[in-house]
């Protein structure tokens, strides 16, 4: 179900709790909401739809969608400076530091632990959404 976007910076600055199997519906709502905003958005975290759970959804380089539960960035390589916007925050793009390559540990929808390396724009999206989970606003 497509949800309304959260714009309250105080809520968005709160850290998200670990997600469980009970949060599968939240992940589906997040994915539905991301797809409804596909013209202007490439990734979302659950707090952007008002749920403080460590769940992110994003578009991969090949155009497919991916959902991660409890993502944690284990390794970052090749820092660079960039500017990013966010549907939840008013105003234009803001400067931030990102990494070209990241190694992420996460859980799948069936709660299996995976570790994968991402690079390029997909890595940048994941970093932005993990920041959301950690209460970090750009």
Protein backbone atom coordinates (compact mmCIF):
# COMPACT_ATOMS: atom_id res chain seq x y z
CA UNK A 1 0.00 0.00 0.00
CA UNK A 2 1.34 3.43 -0.92
CA UNK A 3 1.94 5.51 2.22
CA UNK A 4 2.26 9.25 2.81
CA UNK A 5 5.79 10.59 3.08
CA UNK A 6 7.12 11.73 6.44
CA UNK A 7 8.59 15.24 6.46
CA UNK A 8 9.09 15.82 10.22
CA UNK A 9 12.88 16.28 10.71
CA UNK A 10 12.62 15.40 14.42
CA UNK A 11 11.02 12.04 13.59
CA UNK A 12 13.46 11.41 10.74
CA UNK A 13 16.43 12.15 13.04
CA UNK A 14 15.47 9.25 15.33
CA UNK A 15 17.34 5.96 15.00
CA UNK A 16 15.40 3.02 13.61
CA UNK A 17 14.89 -0.26 15.45
CA UNK A 18 15.89 -3.65 14.10
CA UNK A 19 13.38 -5.15 11.69
CA UNK A 20 11.89 -8.64 12.14
CA UNK A 21 9.74 -11.06 10.15
CA UNK A 22 6.74 -9.19 11.58
CA UNK A 23 7.75 -6.19 9.44
CA UNK A 24 7.24 -7.81 6.02
CA UNK A 25 4.13 -5.67 5.42
CA UNK A 26 6.16 -2.53 6.18
CA UNK A 27 8.72 -3.60 3.56
CA UNK A 28 5.95 -4.09 0.98
CA UNK A 29 4.44 -0.68 1.81
CA UNK A 30 7.91 0.86 1.44
CA UNK A 31 8.43 -0.78 -1.94
CA UNK A 32 4.94 0.25 -3.12
CA UNK A 33 5.60 3.84 -2.04
CA UNK A 34 9.00 3.91 -3.74
CA UNK A 35 7.50 2.59 -6.98
CA UNK A 36 4.75 5.22 -6.79
CA UNK A 37 7.49 7.90 -6.68
CA UNK A 38 9.79 6.28 -9.26
CA UNK A 39 9.92 9.43 -11.39
CA UNK A 40 11.60 11.41 -8.59
CA UNK A 41 13.02 8.84 -6.14
CA UNK A 42 15.50 5.95 -6.31
CA UNK A 43 15.52 4.80 -2.69
CA UNK A 44 13.58 4.98 0.56
CA UNK A 45 13.95 3.98 4.20
CA UNK A 46 11.01 2.91 6.36
CA UNK A 47 11.16 6.05 8.48
CA UNK A 48 10.26 8.01 5.34
CA UNK A 49 6.81 6.38 5.56
CA UNK A 50 6.58 6.89 9.32
CA UNK A 51 7.95 3.55 10.56
CA UNK A 52 11.20 3.48 12.54
CA UNK A 53 12.47 0.10 11.35
CA UNK A 54 15.77 -0.72 9.64
CA UNK A 55 14.31 -1.47 6.23
CA UNK A 56 15.37 0.11 2.95
CA UNK A 57 14.21 -0.26 -0.65
CA UNK A 58 16.01 0.99 -3.74
CA UNK A 59 16.47 0.70 -7.48
CA UNK A 60 19.50 -1.30 -8.62
CA UNK A 61 21.68 -0.40 -11.61
CA UNK A 62 19.76 -2.91 -13.76
CA UNK A 63 16.41 -1.25 -12.96
CA UNK A 64 15.21 -3.95 -10.58
CA UNK A 65 14.08 -3.15 -7.04
CA UNK A 66 15.69 -4.53 -3.89
CA UNK A 67 14.67 -4.50 -0.25
CA UNK A 68 17.07 -4.94 2.67
CA UNK A 69 16.30 -5.62 6.30
CA UNK A 70 18.78 -4.41 8.94
CA UNK A 71 21.48 -3.20 6.52
CA UNK A 72 24.89 -2.41 7.99
CA UNK A 73 27.78 -1.04 5.96
CA UNK A 74 30.85 -3.11 6.81
CA UNK A 75 33.42 -1.50 4.52
CA UNK A 76 33.70 1.76 2.54
CA UNK A 77 36.21 2.53 -0.21
CA UNK A 78 37.05 5.48 -2.47
CA UNK A 79 35.42 8.52 -0.85
CA UNK A 80 34.00 11.35 -2.94
CA UNK A 81 32.01 14.52 -2.40
CA UNK A 82 28.57 14.86 -3.99
CA UNK A 83 25.18 16.49 -3.59
CA UNK A 84 21.94 14.65 -2.85
CA UNK A 85 18.29 15.51 -2.52
CA UNK A 86 15.63 13.74 -0.48
CA UNK A 87 11.86 13.48 -0.84
CA UNK A 88 11.47 13.79 2.93
CA UNK A 89 13.47 17.00 3.26
CA UNK A 90 12.46 20.38 1.97
CA UNK A 91 14.94 22.42 -0.05
CA UNK A 92 17.40 21.50 -2.73
CA UNK A 93 20.33 19.11 -2.84
CA UNK A 94 22.82 19.14 0.03
CA UNK A 95 26.53 18.34 0.03
CA UNK A 96 27.64 15.03 1.53
CA UNK A 97 30.49 12.52 1.51
CA UNK A 98 29.90 9.10 -0.04
CA UNK A 99 31.99 6.10 -1.06
CA UNK A 100 32.22 4.54 -4.52
CA UNK A 101 32.27 0.99 -3.17
CA UNK A 102 30.66 -0.47 -0.04
CA UNK A 103 30.27 -3.91 1.50
CA UNK A 104 26.86 -4.37 3.14
CA UNK A 105 25.52 -7.01 5.49
CA UNK A 106 21.74 -7.28 5.41
CA UNK A 107 18.87 -9.70 5.78
CA UNK A 108 16.52 -10.85 3.04
CA UNK A 109 12.73 -11.00 3.44
CA UNK A 110 13.11 -14.53 4.85
CA UNK A 111 15.66 -13.15 7.35
CA UNK A 112 18.69 -14.87 5.78
CA UNK A 113 21.91 -12.92 6.28
CA UNK A 114 23.73 -11.84 3.13
CA UNK A 115 26.90 -9.85 2.49
CA UNK A 116 27.33 -8.11 -0.85
CA UNK A 117 29.54 -5.43 -2.36
CA UNK A 118 27.88 -2.58 -4.25
CA UNK A 119 29.46 0.18 -6.31
CA UNK A 120 28.57 3.31 -8.21
CA UNK A 121 25.14 4.89 -7.97
CA UNK A 122 23.58 1.86 -6.22
CA UNK A 123 26.20 2.15 -3.46
CA UNK A 124 25.40 5.84 -3.12
CA UNK A 125 21.66 5.14 -2.77
CA UNK A 126 22.26 2.48 -0.11
CA UNK A 127 24.48 4.86 1.89
CA UNK A 128 21.77 7.54 1.82
CA UNK A 129 19.10 5.10 3.02
CA UNK A 130 21.30 3.54 5.73
CA UNK A 131 21.92 7.10 6.97
CA UNK A 132 18.13 7.44 7.28
CA UNK A 133 18.04 4.30 9.42
CA UNK A 134 20.73 5.81 11.64
CA UNK A 135 18.86 9.11 12.00
CA UNK A 136 21.36 10.99 9.84
CA UNK A 137 19.84 13.62 7.57
CA UNK A 138 21.84 15.09 4.71
